[in-house]
């Protein structure tokens, strides 16, 4: 489910060229550093993934929307400190810290972009109900993991590679893979016969191997 539309009078909207949406992150980051309105390209690429990550860890849609907003506000204002080729792990490190802080900070946050910059697909009531059920089931499952395992799995579900997760959490690559193996073993034990549900999380799976090579 996408974050709701909100407006921010402090940020200029921009027209996005279709070709620009296909550029790799490092080129988009370099471009946004030169011309700040082009940050919308990075926002559009990652807003859904960041929102899903926040929603998985927070208790309400409103809290996830507020956290997502703050993630991109901080990323926008701190972009010059980001290595061009490490944007995704840098962005999710911000998200990881904001979600942890959100338990202690309960105040309204201003969103980053004007309404025109955010697609607003409207799911059917049936889709909304299914998504809500799956979300509750996944949250309940993750509470059975140790905290370090849960953090790794949440970032894995957000699409990060092992190397990116290591940068987000400040752990070695080997430590992340070890934690991930233990998390997958625990999830398989919890799921019993439904082991296919966690196959894509396994460091030995074809998808993970492919992403591992891409992220190193």
N, C-alpha and C. Protein backbone atom coordinates (compact mmCIF):
# COMPACT_ATOMS: atom_id res chain seq x y z
N UNK A 1 0.85 -1.18 0.00
CA UNK A 1 0.00 0.00 0.00
C UNK A 1 0.88 1.23 0.00
N UNK A 2 0.60 2.20 -0.84
CA UNK A 2 1.43 3.38 -0.97
C UNK A 2 1.14 4.37 0.12
N UNK A 3 2.15 5.21 0.49
CA UNK A 3 1.88 6.29 1.42
C UNK A 3 0.82 7.23 0.86
N UNK A 4 0.07 7.88 1.73
CA UNK A 4 -0.96 8.78 1.26
C UNK A 4 -0.36 10.05 0.70
N UNK A 5 -1.09 10.72 -0.14
CA UNK A 5 -0.64 11.98 -0.72
C UNK A 5 -0.72 13.08 0.32
N UNK A 6 0.34 13.87 0.41
CA UNK A 6 0.34 15.07 1.21
C UNK A 6 1.12 16.12 0.47
N UNK A 7 1.00 17.37 0.86
CA UNK A 7 1.68 18.43 0.14
C UNK A 7 2.74 19.06 1.02
N UNK A 8 3.80 19.59 0.38
CA UNK A 8 4.85 20.31 1.07
C UNK A 8 5.19 21.52 0.24
N UNK A 9 4.84 22.73 0.71
CA UNK A 9 5.09 23.92 -0.07
C UNK A 9 6.55 24.27 -0.19
N UNK A 10 7.43 23.58 0.57
CA UNK A 10 8.83 23.95 0.58
C UNK A 10 9.66 23.28 -0.49
N UNK A 11 9.11 22.38 -1.25
CA UNK A 11 9.89 21.67 -2.25
C UNK A 11 9.26 21.82 -3.62
N UNK A 12 10.07 22.21 -4.57
CA UNK A 12 9.61 22.40 -5.95
C UNK A 12 9.39 21.06 -6.62
N UNK A 13 8.28 20.91 -7.31
CA UNK A 13 8.04 19.70 -8.09
C UNK A 13 8.81 19.80 -9.39
N UNK A 14 9.03 18.66 -10.03
CA UNK A 14 9.82 18.64 -11.25
C UNK A 14 9.22 17.67 -12.23
N UNK A 15 9.41 17.93 -13.51
CA UNK A 15 8.98 17.01 -14.55
C UNK A 15 10.08 15.99 -14.76
N UNK A 16 9.73 14.72 -14.71
CA UNK A 16 10.71 13.65 -14.79
C UNK A 16 10.70 13.05 -16.18
N UNK A 17 11.88 13.03 -16.81
CA UNK A 17 11.98 12.40 -18.12
C UNK A 17 11.94 10.89 -17.95
N UNK A 18 11.26 10.21 -18.84
CA UNK A 18 11.12 8.77 -18.75
C UNK A 18 12.47 8.08 -18.76
N UNK A 19 13.40 8.53 -19.59
CA UNK A 19 14.71 7.90 -19.70
C UNK A 19 15.48 7.98 -18.39
N UNK A 20 15.26 9.04 -17.62
CA UNK A 20 16.00 9.23 -16.38
C UNK A 20 15.66 8.18 -15.35
N UNK A 21 14.45 7.64 -15.42
CA UNK A 21 14.02 6.66 -14.45
C UNK A 21 14.80 5.36 -14.56
N UNK A 22 15.46 5.14 -15.69
CA UNK A 22 16.21 3.90 -15.90
C UNK A 22 17.69 4.04 -15.58
N UNK A 23 18.14 5.19 -15.14
CA UNK A 23 19.54 5.40 -14.83
C UNK A 23 19.91 4.68 -13.53
N UNK A 24 21.15 4.22 -13.40
CA UNK A 24 21.57 3.59 -12.14
C UNK A 24 21.63 4.62 -11.02
N UNK A 25 21.63 4.11 -9.79
CA UNK A 25 21.59 5.00 -8.63
C UNK A 25 22.73 6.00 -8.61
N UNK A 26 23.95 5.54 -8.91
CA UNK A 26 25.09 6.44 -8.76
C UNK A 26 24.96 7.66 -9.67
N UNK A 27 24.42 7.48 -10.87
CA UNK A 27 24.23 8.62 -11.77
C UNK A 27 23.10 9.53 -11.28
N UNK A 28 22.05 8.93 -10.71
CA UNK A 28 20.96 9.75 -10.18
C UNK A 28 21.42 10.56 -8.97
N UNK A 29 22.24 9.95 -8.12
CA UNK A 29 22.75 10.66 -6.95
C UNK A 29 23.63 11.83 -7.38
N UNK A 30 24.54 11.57 -8.31
CA UNK A 30 25.40 12.64 -8.81
C UNK A 30 24.57 13.76 -9.44
N UNK A 31 23.55 13.38 -10.15
CA UNK A 31 22.68 14.37 -10.78
C UNK A 31 21.93 15.19 -9.73
N UNK A 32 21.41 14.52 -8.68
CA UNK A 32 20.67 15.23 -7.63
C UNK A 32 21.58 16.14 -6.83
N UNK A 33 22.85 15.80 -6.71
CA UNK A 33 23.79 16.67 -6.02
C UNK A 33 24.03 17.96 -6.79
N UNK A 34 23.97 17.86 -8.11
CA UNK A 34 24.15 19.05 -8.94
C UNK A 34 22.88 19.87 -9.04
N UNK A 35 21.73 19.19 -9.04
CA UNK A 35 20.44 19.85 -9.26
C UNK A 35 19.44 19.22 -8.31
N UNK A 36 19.23 19.84 -7.15
CA UNK A 36 18.49 19.20 -6.06
C UNK A 36 17.07 18.75 -6.43
N UNK A 37 16.32 19.47 -7.30
CA UNK A 37 14.98 18.95 -7.63
C UNK A 37 14.99 17.55 -8.25
N UNK A 38 16.13 17.13 -8.81
CA UNK A 38 16.21 15.79 -9.39
C UNK A 38 16.23 14.70 -8.33
N UNK A 39 16.26 15.07 -7.06
CA UNK A 39 16.14 14.07 -6.00
C UNK A 39 14.82 13.31 -6.11
N UNK A 40 13.83 13.93 -6.75
CA UNK A 40 12.54 13.25 -6.92
C UNK A 40 12.70 11.92 -7.64
N UNK A 41 13.72 11.78 -8.47
CA UNK A 41 13.96 10.52 -9.18
C UNK A 41 14.31 9.41 -8.19
N UNK A 42 15.14 9.73 -7.22
CA UNK A 42 15.50 8.75 -6.20
C UNK A 42 14.32 8.49 -5.29
N UNK A 43 13.56 9.51 -4.98
CA UNK A 43 12.37 9.35 -4.15
C UNK A 43 11.39 8.38 -4.80
N UNK A 44 11.12 8.59 -6.07
CA UNK A 44 10.16 7.73 -6.76
C UNK A 44 10.65 6.28 -6.84
N UNK A 45 11.96 6.12 -6.95
CA UNK A 45 12.50 4.76 -7.05
C UNK A 45 12.37 4.00 -5.74
N UNK A 46 12.50 4.67 -4.60
CA UNK A 46 12.60 3.96 -3.33
C UNK A 46 11.49 4.23 -2.34
N UNK A 47 10.56 5.12 -2.63
CA UNK A 47 9.55 5.45 -1.62
C UNK A 47 8.71 4.25 -1.22
N UNK A 48 8.33 3.41 -2.17
CA UNK A 48 7.51 2.25 -1.84
C UNK A 48 8.28 1.26 -0.96
N UNK A 49 9.54 1.01 -1.28
CA UNK A 49 10.34 0.06 -0.50
C UNK A 49 10.57 0.58 0.91
N UNK A 50 10.86 1.86 1.04
CA UNK A 50 11.08 2.44 2.37
C UNK A 50 9.79 2.40 3.18
N UNK A 51 8.68 2.73 2.53
CA UNK A 51 7.40 2.69 3.24
C UNK A 51 7.08 1.28 3.73
N UNK A 52 7.29 0.27 2.88
CA UNK A 52 7.02 -1.10 3.30
C UNK A 52 7.91 -1.51 4.47
N UNK A 53 9.16 -1.09 4.43
CA UNK A 53 10.08 -1.40 5.53
C UNK A 53 9.59 -0.75 6.83
N UNK A 54 9.19 0.51 6.76
CA UNK A 54 8.70 1.20 7.96
C UNK A 54 7.39 0.58 8.45
N UNK A 55 6.50 0.23 7.51
CA UNK A 55 5.21 -0.35 7.89
C UNK A 55 5.37 -1.70 8.55
N UNK A 56 6.41 -2.42 8.16
CA UNK A 56 6.64 -3.74 8.75
C UNK A 56 7.07 -3.63 10.20
N UNK A 57 7.68 -2.52 10.57
CA UNK A 57 8.23 -2.38 11.92
C UNK A 57 7.38 -1.49 12.82
N UNK A 58 6.52 -0.67 12.25
CA UNK A 58 5.74 0.26 13.06
C UNK A 58 4.29 -0.20 13.16
N UNK A 59 3.56 0.37 14.10
CA UNK A 59 2.24 -0.16 14.46
C UNK A 59 1.08 0.38 13.65
N UNK A 60 1.28 1.44 12.89
CA UNK A 60 0.16 2.04 12.17
C UNK A 60 0.63 2.60 10.84
N UNK A 61 -0.33 2.75 9.94
CA UNK A 61 -0.03 3.34 8.64
C UNK A 61 0.46 4.77 8.80
N UNK A 62 -0.14 5.51 9.73
CA UNK A 62 0.24 6.90 9.94
C UNK A 62 1.69 6.99 10.40
N UNK A 63 2.08 6.10 11.31
CA UNK A 63 3.46 6.11 11.79
C UNK A 63 4.43 5.77 10.67
N UNK A 64 4.05 4.83 9.81
CA UNK A 64 4.91 4.45 8.68
C UNK A 64 5.03 5.60 7.69
N UNK A 65 3.93 6.31 7.44
CA UNK A 65 3.96 7.46 6.53
C UNK A 65 4.87 8.56 7.09
N UNK A 66 4.73 8.83 8.38
CA UNK A 66 5.56 9.87 9.00
C UNK A 66 7.03 9.49 8.96
N UNK A 67 7.34 8.24 9.25
CA UNK A 67 8.72 7.79 9.23
C UNK A 67 9.30 7.85 7.81
N UNK A 68 8.51 7.42 6.83
CA UNK A 68 8.95 7.49 5.43
C UNK A 68 9.25 8.91 5.03
N UNK A 69 8.39 9.82 5.43
CA UNK A 69 8.58 11.24 5.15
C UNK A 69 9.90 11.75 5.73
N UNK A 70 10.17 11.39 6.97
CA UNK A 70 11.39 11.85 7.62
C UNK A 70 12.63 11.23 6.99
N UNK A 71 12.54 9.97 6.59
CA UNK A 71 13.67 9.32 5.91
C UNK A 71 14.10 10.13 4.70
N UNK A 72 13.14 10.50 3.86
CA UNK A 72 13.50 11.21 2.64
C UNK A 72 13.86 12.67 2.89
N UNK A 73 13.30 13.26 3.93
CA UNK A 73 13.72 14.61 4.30
C UNK A 73 15.18 14.62 4.70
N UNK A 74 15.57 13.65 5.54
CA UNK A 74 16.97 13.58 5.96
C UNK A 74 17.89 13.21 4.80
N UNK A 75 17.42 12.31 3.94
CA UNK A 75 18.24 11.94 2.79
C UNK A 75 18.43 13.13 1.86
N UNK A 76 17.38 13.91 1.67
CA UNK A 76 17.45 15.08 0.79
C UNK A 76 18.44 16.10 1.34
N UNK A 77 18.33 16.38 2.64
CA UNK A 77 19.19 17.42 3.23
C UNK A 77 20.62 16.94 3.42
N UNK A 78 20.84 15.62 3.52
CA UNK A 78 22.18 15.11 3.76
C UNK A 78 22.81 14.43 2.57
N UNK A 79 22.26 14.63 1.38
CA UNK A 79 22.70 13.88 0.21
C UNK A 79 24.18 14.07 -0.10
N UNK A 80 24.72 15.23 0.18
CA UNK A 80 26.11 15.49 -0.18
C UNK A 80 27.07 14.57 0.57
N UNK A 81 26.62 14.00 1.68
CA UNK A 81 27.50 13.10 2.45
C UNK A 81 27.43 11.67 1.98
N UNK A 82 26.55 11.38 1.02
CA UNK A 82 26.35 10.01 0.55
C UNK A 82 27.30 9.67 -0.59
N UNK A 83 27.93 8.51 -0.51
CA UNK A 83 28.71 8.01 -1.64
C UNK A 83 27.75 7.68 -2.78
N UNK A 84 28.08 8.11 -3.97
CA UNK A 84 27.17 7.94 -5.10
C UNK A 84 26.78 6.48 -5.32
N UNK A 85 27.71 5.55 -5.08
CA UNK A 85 27.46 4.13 -5.38
C UNK A 85 26.93 3.35 -4.19
N UNK A 86 26.60 4.04 -3.07
CA UNK A 86 26.07 3.36 -1.89
C UNK A 86 24.74 3.95 -1.45
N UNK A 87 23.98 4.50 -2.37
CA UNK A 87 22.78 5.23 -1.96
C UNK A 87 21.77 4.35 -1.25
N UNK A 88 21.49 3.16 -1.77
CA UNK A 88 20.43 2.33 -1.19
C UNK A 88 20.75 1.95 0.25
N UNK A 89 21.98 1.47 0.50
CA UNK A 89 22.33 1.10 1.87
C UNK A 89 22.36 2.32 2.78
N UNK A 90 22.80 3.46 2.26
CA UNK A 90 22.81 4.71 3.03
C UNK A 90 21.38 5.12 3.38
N UNK A 91 20.46 5.03 2.42
CA UNK A 91 19.07 5.39 2.64
C UNK A 91 18.43 4.49 3.69
N UNK A 92 18.67 3.20 3.61
CA UNK A 92 18.06 2.28 4.57
C UNK A 92 18.73 2.35 5.94
N UNK A 93 19.96 2.81 6.00
CA UNK A 93 20.56 3.09 7.31
C UNK A 93 19.80 4.23 7.99
N UNK A 94 19.44 5.24 7.22
CA UNK A 94 18.61 6.33 7.76
C UNK A 94 17.27 5.78 8.23
N UNK A 95 16.64 4.94 7.40
CA UNK A 95 15.34 4.37 7.75
C UNK A 95 15.45 3.51 9.02
N UNK A 96 16.50 2.73 9.11
CA UNK A 96 16.69 1.87 10.28
C UNK A 96 16.77 2.70 11.55
N UNK A 97 17.52 3.79 11.50
CA UNK A 97 17.68 4.65 12.68
C UNK A 97 16.40 5.39 13.02
N UNK A 98 15.68 5.84 12.01
CA UNK A 98 14.44 6.58 12.26
C UNK A 98 13.38 5.67 12.87
N UNK A 99 13.28 4.45 12.36
CA UNK A 99 12.30 3.52 12.94
C UNK A 99 12.64 3.24 14.40
N UNK A 100 13.93 3.07 14.70
CA UNK A 100 14.32 2.84 16.10
C UNK A 100 13.97 4.06 16.96
N UNK A 101 14.18 5.25 16.42
CA UNK A 101 13.88 6.47 17.18
C UNK A 101 12.38 6.70 17.34
N UNK A 102 11.59 6.17 16.42
CA UNK A 102 10.16 6.48 16.41
C UNK A 102 9.45 5.98 17.66
N UNK A 103 10.01 4.98 18.30
CA UNK A 103 9.40 4.48 19.52
C UNK A 103 9.52 5.48 20.66
N UNK A 104 10.48 6.40 20.53
CA UNK A 104 10.68 7.39 21.58
C UNK A 104 10.19 8.77 21.18
N UNK A 105 9.90 8.94 19.92
CA UNK A 105 9.50 10.27 19.43
C UNK A 105 8.13 10.14 18.77
N UNK A 106 7.17 10.84 19.28
CA UNK A 106 5.81 10.80 18.76
C UNK A 106 5.36 12.22 18.44
N UNK A 107 5.72 12.69 17.26
CA UNK A 107 5.31 14.03 16.86
C UNK A 107 5.06 14.04 15.37
N UNK A 108 4.21 14.95 14.85
CA UNK A 108 3.93 15.00 13.42
C UNK A 108 5.19 15.36 12.62
N UNK A 109 5.30 14.75 11.43
CA UNK A 109 6.42 15.02 10.55
C UNK A 109 5.91 15.57 9.24
N UNK A 110 6.63 16.54 8.69
CA UNK A 110 6.24 17.07 7.39
C UNK A 110 6.76 16.17 6.29
N UNK A 111 5.95 15.85 5.29
CA UNK A 111 6.43 15.03 4.18
C UNK A 111 7.33 15.83 3.26
N UNK A 112 7.97 15.11 2.39
CA UNK A 112 8.99 15.71 1.55
C UNK A 112 8.46 16.32 0.27
N UNK A 113 7.64 15.60 -0.46
CA UNK A 113 7.32 15.98 -1.82
C UNK A 113 5.87 16.40 -1.97
N UNK A 114 5.61 17.22 -2.97
CA UNK A 114 4.25 17.62 -3.27
C UNK A 114 3.49 16.45 -3.86
N UNK A 115 2.17 16.56 -3.90
CA UNK A 115 1.32 15.44 -4.29
C UNK A 115 1.64 14.95 -5.69
N UNK A 116 2.03 15.86 -6.59
CA UNK A 116 2.25 15.46 -7.97
C UNK A 116 3.40 14.49 -8.12
N UNK A 117 4.29 14.40 -7.14
CA UNK A 117 5.47 13.57 -7.30
C UNK A 117 5.26 12.13 -6.88
N UNK A 118 4.10 11.82 -6.30
CA UNK A 118 3.90 10.48 -5.75
C UNK A 118 2.73 9.78 -6.41
N UNK A 119 2.98 8.63 -7.05
CA UNK A 119 1.87 7.87 -7.61
C UNK A 119 0.95 7.39 -6.51
N UNK A 120 -0.35 7.32 -6.79
CA UNK A 120 -1.32 6.99 -5.76
C UNK A 120 -2.26 5.89 -6.25
N UNK A 121 -1.74 4.66 -6.45
CA UNK A 121 -2.62 3.59 -6.89
C UNK A 121 -3.64 3.28 -5.80
N UNK A 122 -4.88 3.04 -6.19
CA UNK A 122 -5.94 2.76 -5.23
C UNK A 122 -6.31 1.29 -5.31
N UNK A 123 -5.93 0.50 -4.31
CA UNK A 123 -6.25 -0.92 -4.35
C UNK A 123 -7.73 -1.15 -4.09
N UNK A 124 -8.23 -2.29 -4.55
CA UNK A 124 -9.61 -2.64 -4.29
C UNK A 124 -9.75 -3.00 -2.81
N UNK A 125 -10.98 -2.98 -2.27
CA UNK A 125 -11.17 -3.41 -0.87
C UNK A 125 -10.67 -4.82 -0.61
N UNK A 126 -10.85 -5.70 -1.62
CA UNK A 126 -10.38 -7.08 -1.45
C UNK A 126 -8.86 -7.12 -1.34
N UNK A 127 -8.17 -6.36 -2.22
CA UNK A 127 -6.71 -6.32 -2.16
C UNK A 127 -6.24 -5.74 -0.83
N UNK A 128 -6.92 -4.70 -0.37
CA UNK A 128 -6.54 -4.08 0.90
C UNK A 128 -6.66 -5.07 2.05
N UNK A 129 -7.74 -5.86 2.06
CA UNK A 129 -7.94 -6.84 3.13
C UNK A 129 -6.87 -7.92 3.08
N UNK A 130 -6.53 -8.40 1.89
CA UNK A 130 -5.50 -9.42 1.76
C UNK A 130 -4.16 -8.88 2.22
N UNK A 131 -3.82 -7.66 1.77
CA UNK A 131 -2.56 -7.05 2.17
C UNK A 131 -2.48 -6.90 3.68
N UNK A 132 -3.57 -6.48 4.30
CA UNK A 132 -3.59 -6.29 5.75
C UNK A 132 -3.38 -7.61 6.48
N UNK A 133 -4.03 -8.68 5.99
CA UNK A 133 -3.87 -9.99 6.61
C UNK A 133 -2.43 -10.48 6.49
N UNK A 134 -1.84 -10.33 5.30
CA UNK A 134 -0.47 -10.77 5.09
C UNK A 134 0.50 -9.96 5.95
N UNK A 135 0.22 -8.67 6.08
CA UNK A 135 1.09 -7.81 6.86
C UNK A 135 1.06 -8.22 8.33
N UNK A 136 -0.14 -8.48 8.87
CA UNK A 136 -0.26 -8.90 10.26
C UNK A 136 0.43 -10.25 10.48
N UNK A 137 0.27 -11.16 9.52
CA UNK A 137 0.89 -12.48 9.63
C UNK A 137 2.42 -12.36 9.64
N UNK A 138 2.96 -11.52 8.77
CA UNK A 138 4.40 -11.37 8.68
C UNK A 138 4.96 -10.70 9.93
N UNK A 139 4.27 -9.67 10.42
CA UNK A 139 4.71 -9.00 11.64
C UNK A 139 4.74 -9.99 12.81
N UNK A 140 3.71 -10.81 12.92
CA UNK A 140 3.65 -11.79 14.01
C UNK A 140 4.78 -12.80 13.89
N UNK A 141 5.09 -13.21 12.65
CA UNK A 141 6.16 -14.18 12.44
C UNK A 141 7.52 -13.59 12.83
N UNK A 142 7.75 -12.35 12.47
CA UNK A 142 9.04 -11.72 12.73
C UNK A 142 9.28 -11.48 14.22
N UNK A 143 8.22 -11.35 14.99
CA UNK A 143 8.40 -11.16 16.43
C UNK A 143 9.00 -12.40 17.10
N UNK A 144 8.97 -13.53 16.40
CA UNK A 144 9.54 -14.76 16.95
C UNK A 144 11.05 -14.83 16.75
N UNK A 145 11.61 -13.90 15.99
CA UNK A 145 13.05 -13.89 15.74
C UNK A 145 13.78 -13.05 16.78
N UNK A 146 15.06 -13.36 16.98
CA UNK A 146 15.91 -12.50 17.80
C UNK A 146 16.04 -11.14 17.10
N UNK A 147 16.29 -10.07 17.87
CA UNK A 147 16.34 -8.72 17.26
C UNK A 147 17.30 -8.60 16.09
N UNK A 148 18.52 -9.17 16.20
CA UNK A 148 19.45 -9.03 15.08
C UNK A 148 18.96 -9.80 13.86
N UNK A 149 18.31 -10.94 14.09
CA UNK A 149 17.76 -11.70 12.97
C UNK A 149 16.61 -10.94 12.31
N UNK A 150 15.76 -10.34 13.12
CA UNK A 150 14.64 -9.60 12.58
C UNK A 150 15.12 -8.42 11.74
N UNK A 151 16.12 -7.70 12.22
CA UNK A 151 16.63 -6.56 11.46
C UNK A 151 17.15 -6.99 10.10
N UNK A 152 17.89 -8.09 10.07
CA UNK A 152 18.43 -8.58 8.80
C UNK A 152 17.30 -9.00 7.86
N UNK A 153 16.32 -9.73 8.37
CA UNK A 153 15.22 -10.20 7.52
C UNK A 153 14.40 -9.01 6.99
N UNK A 154 14.15 -8.03 7.84
CA UNK A 154 13.37 -6.86 7.38
C UNK A 154 14.08 -6.14 6.25
N UNK A 155 15.38 -5.99 6.36
CA UNK A 155 16.14 -5.33 5.30
C UNK A 155 16.21 -6.22 4.06
N UNK A 156 16.27 -7.54 4.26
CA UNK A 156 16.27 -8.46 3.12
C UNK A 156 14.94 -8.36 2.37
N UNK A 157 13.85 -8.29 3.11
CA UNK A 157 12.54 -8.16 2.48
C UNK A 157 12.39 -6.83 1.75
N UNK A 158 13.15 -5.83 2.18
CA UNK A 158 13.13 -4.53 1.49
C UNK A 158 13.95 -4.55 0.22
N UNK A 159 14.66 -5.66 -0.04
CA UNK A 159 15.38 -5.81 -1.30
C UNK A 159 16.87 -5.58 -1.22
N UNK A 160 17.42 -5.36 -0.03
CA UNK A 160 18.84 -5.09 0.09
C UNK A 160 19.65 -6.39 -0.03
N UNK A 161 20.86 -6.27 -0.54
CA UNK A 161 21.77 -7.40 -0.63
C UNK A 161 22.48 -7.57 0.70
N UNK A 162 23.20 -8.70 0.83
CA UNK A 162 23.96 -8.95 2.06
C UNK A 162 24.95 -7.82 2.34
N UNK A 163 25.66 -7.39 1.31
CA UNK A 163 26.66 -6.34 1.50
C UNK A 163 26.02 -5.04 1.93
N UNK A 164 24.85 -4.72 1.37
CA UNK A 164 24.16 -3.49 1.75
C UNK A 164 23.64 -3.57 3.18
N UNK A 165 23.13 -4.74 3.57
CA UNK A 165 22.66 -4.92 4.94
C UNK A 165 23.82 -4.74 5.92
N UNK A 166 24.98 -5.26 5.56
CA UNK A 166 26.16 -5.12 6.42
C UNK A 166 26.50 -3.65 6.63
N UNK A 167 26.40 -2.86 5.57
CA UNK A 167 26.69 -1.43 5.71
C UNK A 167 25.63 -0.75 6.56
N UNK A 168 24.36 -1.11 6.38
CA UNK A 168 23.28 -0.50 7.16
C UNK A 168 23.47 -0.76 8.65
N UNK A 169 23.79 -2.00 9.00
CA UNK A 169 23.84 -2.41 10.41
C UNK A 169 25.22 -2.25 11.03
N UNK A 170 26.21 -1.90 10.21
CA UNK A 170 27.55 -1.76 10.74
C UNK A 170 28.16 -3.08 11.16
N UNK A 171 27.80 -4.15 10.46
CA UNK A 171 28.33 -5.50 10.74
C UNK A 171 29.16 -5.96 9.55
N UNK A 172 29.96 -7.00 9.78
CA UNK A 172 30.71 -7.57 8.68
C UNK A 172 29.78 -8.36 7.77
N UNK A 173 30.23 -8.55 6.53
CA UNK A 173 29.44 -9.32 5.57
C UNK A 173 29.22 -10.74 6.10
N UNK A 174 30.27 -11.34 6.65
CA UNK A 174 30.15 -12.69 7.16
C UNK A 174 29.17 -12.78 8.33
N UNK A 175 29.17 -11.77 9.19
CA UNK A 175 28.24 -11.77 10.33
C UNK A 175 26.80 -11.70 9.85
N UNK A 176 26.55 -10.88 8.84
CA UNK A 176 25.20 -10.75 8.31
C UNK A 176 24.73 -12.07 7.72
N UNK A 177 25.59 -12.74 6.98
CA UNK A 177 25.20 -14.01 6.37
C UNK A 177 24.95 -15.07 7.44
N UNK A 178 25.74 -15.05 8.51
CA UNK A 178 25.53 -16.01 9.61
C UNK A 178 24.19 -15.75 10.30
N UNK A 179 23.89 -14.48 10.55
CA UNK A 179 22.62 -14.11 11.17
C UNK A 179 21.46 -14.52 10.26
N UNK A 180 21.65 -14.32 8.97
CA UNK A 180 20.60 -14.64 8.01
C UNK A 180 20.34 -16.15 7.96
N UNK A 181 21.40 -16.95 8.01
CA UNK A 181 21.22 -18.40 8.05
C UNK A 181 20.41 -18.82 9.27
N UNK A 182 20.73 -18.24 10.43
CA UNK A 182 20.01 -18.59 11.65
C UNK A 182 18.55 -18.14 11.57
N UNK A 183 18.32 -16.97 10.97
CA UNK A 183 16.95 -16.48 10.84
C UNK A 183 16.13 -17.38 9.93
N UNK A 184 16.72 -17.79 8.82
CA UNK A 184 16.01 -18.66 7.88
C UNK A 184 15.69 -20.01 8.53
N UNK A 185 16.66 -20.54 9.30
CA UNK A 185 16.41 -21.81 9.99
C UNK A 185 15.27 -21.67 10.99
N UNK A 186 15.23 -20.56 11.69
CA UNK A 186 14.16 -20.32 12.66
C UNK A 186 12.81 -20.18 11.96
N UNK A 187 12.78 -19.43 10.86
CA UNK A 187 11.53 -19.25 10.12
C UNK A 187 11.03 -20.57 9.56
N UNK A 188 11.94 -21.38 9.06
CA UNK A 188 11.53 -22.69 8.52
C UNK A 188 10.95 -23.57 9.62
N UNK A 189 11.54 -23.51 10.79
CA UNK A 189 11.01 -24.28 11.90
C UNK A 189 9.62 -23.79 12.28
N UNK A 190 9.41 -22.47 12.24
CA UNK A 190 8.11 -21.91 12.59
C UNK A 190 7.05 -22.24 11.54
N UNK A 191 7.47 -22.24 10.27
CA UNK A 191 6.52 -22.44 9.19
C UNK A 191 6.27 -23.92 8.90
N UNK A 192 7.16 -24.80 9.37
CA UNK A 192 6.96 -26.23 9.15
C UNK A 192 7.00 -26.58 7.68
N UNK A 193 5.89 -27.09 7.16
CA UNK A 193 5.85 -27.56 5.77
C UNK A 193 5.89 -26.42 4.77
N UNK A 194 5.58 -25.20 5.19
CA UNK A 194 5.51 -24.08 4.25
C UNK A 194 6.88 -23.45 4.05
N UNK A 195 7.85 -24.27 3.74
CA UNK A 195 9.22 -23.76 3.68
C UNK A 195 9.48 -22.88 2.46
N UNK A 196 8.69 -23.03 1.42
CA UNK A 196 8.89 -22.21 0.24
C UNK A 196 8.73 -20.74 0.56
N UNK A 197 7.99 -20.41 1.61
CA UNK A 197 7.74 -19.01 1.96
C UNK A 197 8.99 -18.28 2.37
N UNK A 198 10.04 -19.00 2.82
CA UNK A 198 11.27 -18.34 3.23
C UNK A 198 12.45 -18.67 2.33
N UNK A 199 12.23 -19.38 1.25
CA UNK A 199 13.33 -19.79 0.38
C UNK A 199 14.09 -18.59 -0.15
N UNK A 200 13.37 -17.53 -0.52
CA UNK A 200 14.04 -16.38 -1.13
C UNK A 200 14.90 -15.61 -0.14
N UNK A 201 14.75 -15.88 1.16
CA UNK A 201 15.58 -15.20 2.15
C UNK A 201 16.91 -15.91 2.36
N UNK A 202 17.02 -17.15 1.94
CA UNK A 202 18.20 -17.94 2.22
C UNK A 202 19.41 -17.43 1.44
N UNK A 203 20.57 -17.29 2.10
CA UNK A 203 21.77 -16.86 1.39
C UNK A 203 22.21 -17.81 0.29
N UNK A 204 21.74 -19.05 0.33
CA UNK A 204 22.12 -20.03 -0.70
C UNK A 204 21.14 -20.09 -1.86
N UNK A 205 20.06 -19.30 -1.80
CA UNK A 205 19.07 -19.35 -2.86
C UNK A 205 19.61 -18.67 -4.11
N UNK A 206 19.14 -19.08 -5.32
CA UNK A 206 19.62 -18.46 -6.56
C UNK A 206 19.39 -16.96 -6.59
N UNK A 207 18.25 -16.48 -6.09
CA UNK A 207 17.96 -15.05 -6.11
C UNK A 207 18.95 -14.32 -5.24
N UNK A 208 19.23 -14.85 -4.04
CA UNK A 208 20.15 -14.20 -3.12
C UNK A 208 21.56 -14.20 -3.68
N UNK A 209 21.96 -15.32 -4.31
CA UNK A 209 23.28 -15.36 -4.89
C UNK A 209 23.44 -14.30 -5.98
N UNK A 210 22.40 -14.15 -6.79
CA UNK A 210 22.45 -13.15 -7.85
C UNK A 210 22.58 -11.75 -7.27
N UNK A 211 21.78 -11.45 -6.23
CA UNK A 211 21.83 -10.13 -5.61
C UNK A 211 23.14 -9.93 -4.88
N UNK A 212 23.68 -11.01 -4.30
CA UNK A 212 24.95 -10.91 -3.59
C UNK A 212 26.04 -10.46 -4.56
N UNK A 213 26.10 -11.05 -5.73
CA UNK A 213 27.11 -10.66 -6.72
C UNK A 213 26.89 -9.24 -7.19
N UNK A 214 25.61 -8.82 -7.30
CA UNK A 214 25.32 -7.46 -7.75
C UNK A 214 25.67 -6.44 -6.69
N UNK A 215 25.56 -6.83 -5.39
CA UNK A 215 25.74 -5.85 -4.34
C UNK A 215 27.15 -5.77 -3.79
N UNK A 216 28.04 -6.63 -4.22
CA UNK A 216 29.41 -6.60 -3.71
C UNK A 216 30.28 -5.71 -4.55
